Amino acid sequence: MNNPGIAFIGAGNMAKSIIGGLLAEGFNPATISASGPRQERLDLVANQFGISVTTSNQHLASTADVVVLAVKPQMLKAVAMELRETLAHKPLIISVAAGITTQSLALWLGEDQAIVRCMPNTPSQLRAGASGLYANDLVSDSQRALADRILRAVGVVEWLADEQLLNAVTAVSGSGPAYFFLVMEAMIEAGVAMGLTHDSARTLTLQTALGAALLAQNSDVDVAELRRRVTSPNGTTEQAIQSFEQDNIRAVFQRAMDACAARAQAMSEQLGQ
């Protein structure tokens, strides 16, 4: 499909991030639409992107080639059940709701629907996102390619053969930005405690984080090797790294990410009833 009709059920931050990415990639705004319960918010989206909007989810979904479910997980069952009777034309369903499995979606939307489940993250707002995708058996090759094209508009995409691995994706990239924000927060506070102004500590910390990510992304060696190259024997960096290792930073991250994945699994069980 060169010009698929893409309907966003929900017009919040993630929907707006993807819409912005699609338009930047050259998608026609005339083929993109969004729905939501609040007309004043929809008017802002329409003015920002030049797309059509409506408060009727059913009207929007009834003719779309792609239906993107971009509502909160707690709301998804009610929204999906509401849409069930309008999906006889079998559009591609893309869900960006955390924790809701394709099995639950099929139960609510209809067992014969092609469904792609996606776990994006907030840097998608800057087209620097990372998304894990899983397709059920009814997704065709062309639909898979279309889902890939849509999500690549806001960042990198990794396809998974096992839906259960989306819990790991949640722990790595879905929640991952918050981990880095926490590290930045701690570094800024430490810099201030050492005498820097808050503005100086913030500027230096954020640029260092950006530079390190760009260096790792554009390097042909592993991040462990990049770390070793910065860590001169008996140097200043070595002292900091040794302190981190003595505090068992790897175990700290493993416990945190295990807890995140476990919560994702619990949400699937609680919200997928």
C-alpha atoms as a PDB file:
ATOM      1  CA  MET A   1       0.000   0.000   0.000  1.00  0.00           C
ATOM      2  CA  ASN A   2       1.567   3.239  -1.119  1.00  0.00           C
ATOM      3  CA  ASN A   3      -1.093   5.466   0.439  1.00  0.00           C
ATOM      4  CA  PRO A   4      -2.800   3.478   3.178  1.00  0.00           C
ATOM      5  CA  GLY A   5      -5.522   5.022   5.269  1.00  0.00           C
ATOM      6  CA  ILE A   6      -4.159   5.085   8.831  1.00  0.00           C
ATOM      7  CA  ALA A   7      -6.569   5.683  11.707  1.00  0.00           C
ATOM      8  CA  PHE A   8      -5.246   6.459  15.188  1.00  0.00           C
ATOM      9  CA  ILE A   9      -7.629   5.513  17.963  1.00  0.00           C
ATOM     10  CA  GLY A  10      -6.335   7.877  20.612  1.00  0.00           C
ATOM     11  CA  ALA A  11      -4.566  11.166  20.033  1.00  0.00           C
ATOM     12  CA  GLY A  12      -2.140  11.324  22.949  1.00  0.00           C
ATOM     13  CA  ASN A  13       1.618  11.757  22.989  1.00  0.00           C
ATOM     14  CA  MET A  14       2.537   8.432  21.373  1.00  0.00           C
ATOM     15  CA  ALA A  15      -0.034   8.838  18.616  1.00  0.00           C
ATOM     16  CA  LYS A  16       1.205  12.359  17.926  1.00  0.00           C
ATOM     17  CA  SER A  17       4.800  11.144  17.872  1.00  0.00           C
ATOM     18  CA  ILE A  18       4.021   8.530  15.238  1.00  0.00           C
ATOM     19  CA  ILE A  19       1.864  10.914  13.206  1.00  0.00           C
ATOM     20  CA  GLY A  20       4.674  13.489  13.186  1.00  0.00           C
ATOM     21  CA  GLY A  21       7.141  10.841  12.070  1.00  0.00           C
ATOM     22  CA  LEU A  22       4.876   9.641   9.275  1.00  0.00           C
ATOM     23  CA  LEU A  23       4.437  13.156   7.935  1.00  0.00           C
ATOM     24  CA  ALA A  24       8.190  13.748   8.077  1.00  0.00           C
ATOM     25  CA  GLU A  25       8.648  10.533   6.078  1.00  0.00           C
ATOM     26  CA  GLY A  26       6.349  11.819   3.355  1.00  0.00           C
ATOM     27  CA  PHE A  27       3.039  10.183   4.234  1.00  0.00           C
ATOM     28  CA  ASN A  28       0.058  12.122   2.918  1.00  0.00           C
ATOM     29  CA  PRO A  29      -1.808  13.893   5.766  1.00  0.00           C
ATOM     30  CA  ALA A  30      -5.045  13.295   3.853  1.00  0.00           C
ATOM     31  CA  THR A  31      -4.662   9.564   4.554  1.00  0.00           C
ATOM     32  CA  ILE A  32      -4.102   9.966   8.311  1.00  0.00           C
ATOM     33  CA  SER A  33      -6.836  10.535  10.873  1.00  0.00           C
ATOM     34  CA  ALA A  34      -7.270  10.415  14.629  1.00  0.00           C
ATOM     35  CA  SER A  35     -10.058  10.037  17.147  1.00  0.00           C
ATOM     36  CA  GLY A  36     -10.465  10.815  20.817  1.00  0.00           C
ATOM     37  CA  PRO A  37     -13.091  11.782  23.377  1.00  0.00           C
ATOM     38  CA  ARG A  38     -12.202  15.472  23.696  1.00  0.00           C
ATOM     39  CA  GLN A  39     -12.904  17.716  20.721  1.00  0.00           C
ATOM     40  CA  GLU A  40     -10.683  20.548  21.985  1.00  0.00           C
ATOM     41  CA  ARG A  41      -7.654  18.225  22.068  1.00  0.00           C
ATOM     42  CA  LEU A  42      -8.525  16.833  18.648  1.00  0.00           C
ATOM     43  CA  ASP A  43      -8.714  20.370  17.242  1.00  0.00           C
ATOM     44  CA  LEU A  44      -5.150  20.988  18.428  1.00  0.00           C
ATOM     45  CA  VAL A  45      -3.987  17.789  16.725  1.00  0.00           C
ATOM     46  CA  ALA A  46      -5.797  18.727  13.522  1.00  0.00           C
ATOM     47  CA  ASN A  47      -4.216  22.181  13.491  1.00  0.00           C
ATOM     48  CA  GLN A  48      -0.755  20.802  14.274  1.00  0.00           C
ATOM     49  CA  PHE A  49      -0.683  18.092  11.628  1.00  0.00           C
ATOM     50  CA  GLY A  50      -3.363  18.986   9.092  1.00  0.00           C
ATOM     51  CA  ILE A  51      -5.164  15.656   9.509  1.00  0.00           C
ATOM     52  CA  SER A  52      -8.838  14.845   9.937  1.00  0.00           C
ATOM     53  CA  VAL A  53     -10.197  14.123  13.420  1.00  0.00           C
ATOM     54  CA  THR A  54     -13.394  12.808  14.944  1.00  0.00           C
ATOM     55  CA  THR A  55     -14.814  11.775  18.304  1.00  0.00           C
ATOM     56  CA  SER A  56     -16.220   8.590  16.739  1.00  0.00           C
ATOM     57  CA  ASN A  57     -13.826   5.634  16.966  1.00  0.00           C
ATOM     58  CA  GLN A  58     -16.182   3.442  14.951  1.00  0.00           C
ATOM     59  CA  HIS A  59     -16.468   5.908  12.081  1.00  0.00           C
ATOM     60  CA  LEU A  60     -12.710   6.253  11.889  1.00  0.00           C
ATOM     61  CA  ALA A  61     -11.961   2.532  11.956  1.00  0.00           C
ATOM     62  CA  SER A  62     -14.682   1.445   9.540  1.00  0.00           C
ATOM     63  CA  THR A  63     -12.782   2.391   6.382  1.00  0.00           C
ATOM     64  CA  ALA A  64      -9.129   2.449   7.495  1.00  0.00           C
ATOM     65  CA  ASP A  65      -6.450   0.155   6.069  1.00  0.00           C
ATOM     66  CA  VAL A  66      -4.528   0.406   9.346  1.00  0.00           C
ATOM     67  CA  VAL A  67      -5.999   0.951  12.815  1.00  0.00           C
ATOM     68  CA  VAL A  68      -3.458   2.059  15.414  1.00  0.00           C
ATOM     69  CA  LEU A  69      -4.681   1.450  18.956  1.00  0.00           C
ATOM     70  CA  ALA A  70      -3.001   4.207  20.947  1.00  0.00           C
ATOM     71  CA  VAL A  71      -5.072   4.347  24.122  1.00  0.00           C
ATOM     72  CA  LYS A  72      -4.072   3.558  27.699  1.00  0.00           C
ATOM     73  CA  PRO A  73      -3.922  -0.172  28.491  1.00  0.00           C
ATOM     74  CA  GLN A  74      -6.670   0.189  31.102  1.00  0.00           C
ATOM     75  CA  MET A  75      -9.008   1.576  28.414  1.00  0.00           C
ATOM     76  CA  LEU A  76      -8.147  -0.813  25.615  1.00  0.00           C
ATOM     77  CA  LYS A  77     -10.658  -3.590  26.278  1.00  0.00           C
ATOM     78  CA  ALA A  78     -13.625  -1.227  26.216  1.00  0.00           C
ATOM     79  CA  VAL A  79     -12.338   0.547  23.108  1.00  0.00           C
ATOM     80  CA  ALA A  80     -11.620  -2.738  21.310  1.00  0.00           C
ATOM     81  CA  MET A  81     -15.031  -4.201  22.097  1.00  0.00           C
ATOM     82  CA  GLU A  82     -16.587  -1.009  20.779  1.00  0.00           C
ATOM     83  CA  LEU A  83     -14.692  -1.374  17.495  1.00  0.00           C
ATOM     84  CA  ARG A  84     -15.359  -5.085  16.987  1.00  0.00           C
ATOM     85  CA  GLU A  85     -18.378  -4.686  14.692  1.00  0.00           C
ATOM     86  CA  THR A  86     -16.655  -2.101  12.475  1.00  0.00           C
ATOM     87  CA  LEU A  87     -13.670  -4.264  11.484  1.00  0.00           C
ATOM     88  CA  ALA A  88     -15.309  -6.656   9.025  1.00  0.00           C
ATOM     89  CA  HIS A  89     -13.032  -5.289   6.276  1.00  0.00           C
ATOM     90  CA  LYS A  90     -10.019  -6.755   8.146  1.00  0.00           C
ATOM     91  CA  PRO A  91      -7.623  -3.810   8.496  1.00  0.00           C
ATOM     92  CA  LEU A  92      -4.155  -4.236   9.963  1.00  0.00           C
ATOM     93  CA  ILE A  93      -4.353  -3.619  13.718  1.00  0.00           C
ATOM     94  CA  ILE A  94      -1.289  -2.086  15.403  1.00  0.00           C
ATOM     95  CA  SER A  95      -1.426  -1.836  19.186  1.00  0.00           C
ATOM     96  CA  VAL A  96       1.028   0.332  21.115  1.00  0.00           C
ATOM     97  CA  ALA A  97      -0.627  -0.381  24.478  1.00  0.00           C
ATOM     98  CA  ALA A  98       1.755  -1.879  27.022  1.00  0.00           C
ATOM     99  CA  GLY A  99       0.976  -5.301  28.442  1.00  0.00           C
ATOM    100  CA  ILE A 100      -1.982  -6.294  26.242  1.00  0.00           C
ATOM    101  CA  THR A 101      -1.244  -9.502  24.315  1.00  0.00           C
ATOM    102  CA  THR A 102      -2.333 -10.287  20.768  1.00  0.00           C
ATOM    103  CA  GLN A 103      -4.419 -13.127  22.224  1.00  0.00           C
ATOM    104  CA  SER A 104      -6.406 -10.672  24.354  1.00  0.00           C
ATOM    105  CA  LEU A 105      -6.749  -8.270  21.430  1.00  0.00           C
ATOM    106  CA  ALA A 106      -8.035 -11.068  19.187  1.00  0.00           C
ATOM    107  CA  LEU A 107     -10.556 -12.048  21.855  1.00  0.00           C
ATOM    108  CA  TRP A 108     -11.886  -8.484  21.981  1.00  0.00           C
ATOM    109  CA  LEU A 109     -11.560  -7.487  18.305  1.00  0.00           C
ATOM    110  CA  GLY A 110     -12.284 -10.799  16.602  1.00  0.00           C
ATOM    111  CA  GLU A 111     -10.250 -13.967  16.195  1.00  0.00           C
ATOM    112  CA  ASP A 112      -9.594 -13.364  12.483  1.00  0.00           C
ATOM    113  CA  GLN A 113      -7.841  -9.993  12.783  1.00  0.00           C
ATOM    114  CA  ALA A 114      -4.247  -9.344  11.678  1.00  0.00           C
ATOM    115  CA  ILE A 115      -2.548  -7.819  14.722  1.00  0.00           C
ATOM    116  CA  VAL A 116       0.887  -6.328  15.292  1.00  0.00           C
ATOM    117  CA  ARG A 117       1.788  -5.560  18.877  1.00  0.00           C
ATOM    118  CA  CYS A 118       4.352  -2.822  19.392  1.00  0.00           C
ATOM    119  CA  MET A 119       6.367  -1.594  22.365  1.00  0.00           C
ATOM    120  CA  PRO A 120       7.708   1.888  21.454  1.00  0.00           C
ATOM    121  CA  ASN A 121       9.357   4.407  23.785  1.00  0.00           C
ATOM    122  CA  THR A 122       9.173   8.126  24.474  1.00  0.00           C
ATOM    123  CA  PRO A 123      12.166   9.229  22.331  1.00  0.00           C
ATOM    124  CA  SER A 124       9.844   8.431  19.436  1.00  0.00           C
ATOM    125  CA  GLN A 125       8.716  12.033  19.985  1.00  0.00           C
ATOM    126  CA  LEU A 126      12.040  13.082  18.412  1.00  0.00           C
ATOM    127  CA  ARG A 127      12.082  10.265  15.843  1.00  0.00           C
ATOM    128  CA  ALA A 128      14.793   8.635  17.966  1.00  0.00           C
ATOM    129  CA  GLY A 129      12.654   5.827  19.318  1.00  0.00           C
ATOM    130  CA  ALA A 130      13.253   2.109  19.658  1.00  0.00           C
ATOM    131  CA  SER A 131      10.344  -0.279  19.092  1.00  0.00           C
ATOM    132  CA  GLY A 132       9.925  -4.025  19.493  1.00  0.00           C
ATOM    133  CA  LEU A 133       7.266  -5.568  17.221  1.00  0.00           C
ATOM    134  CA  TYR A 134       5.474  -8.900  17.168  1.00  0.00           C
ATOM    135  CA  ALA A 135       2.974 -10.058  14.524  1.00  0.00           C
ATOM    136  CA  ASN A 136       0.341 -12.746  14.911  1.00  0.00           C
ATOM    137  CA  ASP A 137      -0.026 -15.456  12.273  1.00  0.00           C
ATOM    138  CA  LEU A 138      -2.682 -13.560  10.310  1.00  0.00           C
ATOM    139  CA  VAL A 139      -0.396 -10.639   9.429  1.00  0.00           C
ATOM    140  CA  SER A 140       0.578 -10.849   5.743  1.00  0.00           C
ATOM    141  CA  ASP A 141       4.015 -10.011   4.400  1.00  0.00           C
ATOM    142  CA  SER A 142       2.715  -6.737   2.970  1.00  0.00           C
ATOM    143  CA  GLN A 143       1.073  -5.803   6.279  1.00  0.00           C
ATOM    144  CA  ARG A 144       4.251  -6.625   8.150  1.00  0.00           C
ATOM    145  CA  ALA A 145       6.204  -4.401   5.774  1.00  0.00           C
ATOM    146  CA  LEU A 146       3.670  -1.608   6.297  1.00  0.00           C
ATOM    147  CA  ALA A 147       3.870  -1.886  10.103  1.00  0.00           C
ATOM    148  CA  ASP A 148       7.650  -1.781   9.800  1.00  0.00           C
ATOM    149  CA  ARG A 149       7.444   1.338   7.638  1.00  0.00           C
ATOM    150  CA  ILE A 150       5.100   3.077  10.084  1.00  0.00           C
ATOM    151  CA  LEU A 151       7.220   2.427  13.174  1.00  0.00           C
ATOM    152  CA  ARG A 152      10.531   3.134  11.424  1.00  0.00           C
ATOM    153  CA  ALA A 153       9.194   6.643  10.862  1.00  0.00           C
ATOM    154  CA  VAL A 154       9.941   7.289  14.555  1.00  0.00           C
ATOM    155  CA  GLY A 155      13.116   5.249  15.114  1.00  0.00           C
ATOM    156  CA  VAL A 156      14.617   1.775  14.931  1.00  0.00           C
ATOM    157  CA  VAL A 157      12.562  -1.423  14.827  1.00  0.00           C
ATOM    158  CA  GLU A 158      13.301  -4.928  16.099  1.00  0.00           C
ATOM    159  CA  TRP A 159      10.953  -7.768  15.134  1.00  0.00           C
ATOM    160  CA  LEU A 160      10.458 -10.608  17.619  1.00  0.00           C
ATOM    161  CA  ALA A 161       9.516 -14.215  16.895  1.00  0.00           C
ATOM    162  CA  ASP A 162       8.264 -14.769  20.474  1.00  0.00           C
ATOM    163  CA  GLU A 163       5.648 -12.390  21.888  1.00  0.00           C
ATOM    164  CA  GLN A 164       6.849 -13.116  25.428  1.00  0.00           C
ATOM    165  CA  LEU A 165      10.074 -11.264  24.578  1.00  0.00           C
ATOM    166  CA  LEU A 166       8.124  -7.997  24.489  1.00  0.00           C
ATOM    167  CA  ASN A 167       8.435  -8.044  28.283  1.00  0.00           C
ATOM    168  CA  ALA A 168      12.215  -7.935  27.830  1.00  0.00           C
ATOM    169  CA  VAL A 169      11.823  -5.135  25.276  1.00  0.00           C
ATOM    170  CA  THR A 170       9.776  -3.244  27.862  1.00  0.00           C
ATOM    171  CA  ALA A 171      12.608  -3.659  30.363  1.00  0.00           C
ATOM    172  CA  VAL A 172      15.340  -2.647  27.891  1.00  0.00           C
ATOM    173  CA  SER A 173      13.925   0.102  25.690  1.00  0.00           C
ATOM    174  CA  GLY A 174      10.324   0.736  26.725  1.00  0.00           C
ATOM    175  CA  SER A 175      11.263   1.793  30.248  1.00  0.00           C
ATOM    176  CA  GLY A 176      14.943   2.322  29.452  1.00  0.00           C
ATOM    177  CA  PRO A 177      14.825   6.101  28.917  1.00  0.00           C
ATOM    178  CA  ALA A 178      13.881   6.532  32.582  1.00  0.00           C
ATOM    179  CA  TYR A 179      17.008   4.640  33.647  1.00  0.00           C
ATOM    180  CA  PHE A 180      19.213   7.029  31.710  1.00  0.00           C
ATOM    181  CA  PHE A 181      17.301  10.021  33.053  1.00  0.00           C
ATOM    182  CA  LEU A 182      17.956   8.712  36.567  1.00  0.00           C
ATOM    183  CA  VAL A 183      21.689   8.384  35.817  1.00  0.00           C
ATOM    184  CA  MET A 184      21.708  11.912  34.403  1.00  0.00           C
ATOM    185  CA  GLU A 185      19.874  13.180  37.472  1.00  0.00           C
ATOM    186  CA  ALA A 186      22.438  11.541  39.762  1.00  0.00           C
ATOM    187  CA  MET A 187      25.384  12.902  37.762  1.00  0.00           C
ATOM    188  CA  ILE A 188      23.965  16.432  37.818  1.00  0.00           C
ATOM    189  CA  GLU A 189      23.435  16.257  41.569  1.00  0.00           C
ATOM    190  CA  ALA A 190      26.966  14.924  42.090  1.00  0.00           C
ATOM    191  CA  GLY A 191      28.396  17.696  39.902  1.00  0.00           C
ATOM    192  CA  VAL A 192      26.575  20.338  41.915  1.00  0.00           C
ATOM    193  CA  ALA A 193      27.807  18.764  45.164  1.00  0.00           C
ATOM    194  CA  MET A 194      31.350  19.061  43.794  1.00  0.00           C
ATOM    195  CA  GLY A 195      30.931  22.796  43.154  1.00  0.00           C
ATOM    196  CA  LEU A 196      29.527  23.164  39.632  1.00  0.00           C
ATOM    197  CA  THR A 197      26.477  25.296  39.033  1.00  0.00           C
ATOM    198  CA  HIS A 198      23.334  23.335  38.219  1.00  0.00           C
ATOM    199  CA  ASP A 199      23.297  24.720  34.664  1.00  0.00           C
ATOM    200  CA  SER A 200      26.912  23.725  34.052  1.00  0.00           C
ATOM    201  CA  ALA A 201      26.428  20.254  35.526  1.00  0.00           C
ATOM    202  CA  ARG A 202      23.290  19.746  33.447  1.00  0.00           C
ATOM    203  CA  THR A 203      24.868  20.929  30.188  1.00  0.00           C
ATOM    204  CA  LEU A 204      27.952  18.777  30.647  1.00  0.00           C
ATOM    205  CA  THR A 205      25.958  15.711  31.715  1.00  0.00           C
ATOM    206  CA  LEU A 206      23.435  15.825  28.878  1.00  0.00           C
ATOM    207  CA  GLN A 207      26.058  16.448  26.212  1.00  0.00           C
ATOM    208  CA  THR A 208      28.187  13.637  27.601  1.00  0.00           C
ATOM    209  CA  ALA A 209      25.220  11.246  27.485  1.00  0.00           C
ATOM    210  CA  LEU A 210      24.407  12.291  23.916  1.00  0.00           C
ATOM    211  CA  GLY A 211      28.023  12.026  22.817  1.00  0.00           C
ATOM    212  CA  ALA A 212      28.485   8.604  24.384  1.00  0.00           C
ATOM    213  CA  ALA A 213      25.337   7.279  22.686  1.00  0.00           C
ATOM    214  CA  LEU A 214      26.364   8.679  19.302  1.00  0.00           C
ATOM    215  CA  LEU A 215      29.871   7.283  19.681  1.00  0.00           C
ATOM    216  CA  ALA A 216      28.517   3.829  20.546  1.00  0.00           C
ATOM    217  CA  GLN A 217      25.983   3.948  17.729  1.00  0.00           C
ATOM    218  CA  ASN A 218      28.578   4.880  15.128  1.00  0.00           C
ATOM    219  CA  SER A 219      31.362   2.596  16.330  1.00  0.00           C
ATOM    220  CA  ASP A 220      32.209  -0.815  14.937  1.00  0.00           C
ATOM    221  CA  VAL A 221      33.297  -2.134  18.350  1.00  0.00           C
ATOM    222  CA  ASP A 222      31.297  -3.292  21.367  1.00  0.00           C
ATOM    223  CA  VAL A 223      30.369  -0.834  24.129  1.00  0.00           C
ATOM    224  CA  ALA A 224      32.559  -2.811  26.545  1.00  0.00           C
ATOM    225  CA  GLU A 225      35.561  -2.075  24.339  1.00  0.00           C
ATOM    226  CA  LEU A 226      34.614   1.606  24.147  1.00  0.00           C
ATOM    227  CA  ARG A 227      34.514   1.662  27.935  1.00  0.00           C
ATOM    228  CA  ARG A 228      37.947   0.039  28.132  1.00  0.00           C
ATOM    229  CA  ARG A 229      39.375   2.612  25.715  1.00  0.00           C
ATOM    230  CA  VAL A 230      38.281   5.437  28.012  1.00  0.00           C
ATOM    231  CA  THR A 231      39.559   3.667  31.125  1.00  0.00           C
ATOM    232  CA  SER A 232      43.310   4.214  31.287  1.00  0.00           C
ATOM    233  CA  PRO A 233      45.215   2.087  33.848  1.00  0.00           C
ATOM    234  CA  ASN A 234      45.597   3.944  37.143  1.00  0.00           C
ATOM    235  CA  GLY A 235      43.671   6.876  35.685  1.00  0.00           C
ATOM    236  CA  THR A 236      40.691   8.866  36.887  1.00  0.00           C
ATOM    237  CA  THR A 237      38.045   6.914  34.970  1.00  0.00           C
ATOM    238  CA  GLU A 238      39.370   3.620  36.329  1.00  0.00           C
ATOM    239  CA  GLN A 239      38.697   4.822  39.867  1.00  0.00           C
ATOM    240  CA  ALA A 240      35.065   5.607  39.024  1.00  0.00           C
ATOM    241  CA  ILE A 241      34.531   2.310  37.183  1.00  0.00           C
ATOM    242  CA  GLN A 242      36.033   0.335  40.054  1.00  0.00           C
ATOM    243  CA  SER A 243      33.652   2.077  42.451  1.00  0.00           C
ATOM    244  CA  PHE A 244      30.670   1.168  40.250  1.00  0.00           C
ATOM    245  CA  GLU A 245      31.815  -2.454  40.012  1.00  0.00           C
ATOM    246  CA  GLN A 246      32.404  -2.703  43.774  1.00  0.00           C
ATOM    247  CA  ASP A 247      28.797  -1.607  44.239  1.00  0.00           C
ATOM    248  CA  ASN A 248      27.783  -4.368  41.788  1.00  0.00           C
ATOM    249  CA  ILE A 249      26.116  -2.062  39.298  1.00  0.00           C
ATOM    250  CA  ARG A 250      25.405  -4.941  36.897  1.00  0.00           C
ATOM    251  CA  ALA A 251      23.358  -6.769  39.534  1.00  0.00           C
ATOM    252  CA  VAL A 252      21.519  -3.529  40.327  1.00  0.00           C
ATOM    253  CA  PHE A 253      20.480  -3.184  36.681  1.00  0.00           C
ATOM    254  CA  GLN A 254      19.571  -6.853  36.386  1.00  0.00           C
ATOM    255  CA  ARG A 255      17.277  -6.700  39.421  1.00  0.00           C
ATOM    256  CA  ALA A 256      15.654  -3.508  38.197  1.00  0.00           C
ATOM    257  CA  MET A 257      15.036  -4.824  34.695  1.00  0.00           C
ATOM    258  CA  ASP A 258      13.760  -8.163  36.012  1.00  0.00           C
ATOM    259  CA  ALA A 259      11.271  -6.220  38.144  1.00  0.00           C
ATOM    260  CA  CYS A 260      10.204  -4.203  35.101  1.00  0.00           C
ATOM    261  CA  ALA A 261       9.650  -7.321  32.971  1.00  0.00           C
ATOM    262  CA  ALA A 262       7.752  -9.014  35.797  1.00  0.00           C
ATOM    263  CA  ARG A 263       5.441  -6.017  36.072  1.00  0.00           C
ATOM    264  CA  ALA A 264       4.837  -6.121  32.308  1.00  0.00           C
ATOM    265  CA  GLN A 265       3.849  -9.785  32.614  1.00  0.00           C
ATOM    266  CA  ALA A 266       1.555  -9.016  35.554  1.00  0.00           C
ATOM    267  CA  MET A 267      -0.136  -6.249  33.563  1.00  0.00           C
ATOM    268  CA  SER A 268      -0.758  -8.700  30.711  1.00  0.00           C
ATOM    269  CA  GLU A 269      -2.475 -11.068  33.107  1.00  0.00           C
ATOM    270  CA  GLN A 270      -4.461  -8.380  34.932  1.00  0.00           C
ATOM    271  CA  LEU A 271      -5.603  -6.295  31.953  1.00  0.00           C
ATOM    272  CA  GLY A 272      -6.018  -9.087  29.435  1.00  0.00           C
ATOM    273  CA  GLN A 273      -8.980 -10.705  31.169  1.00  0.00           C
END
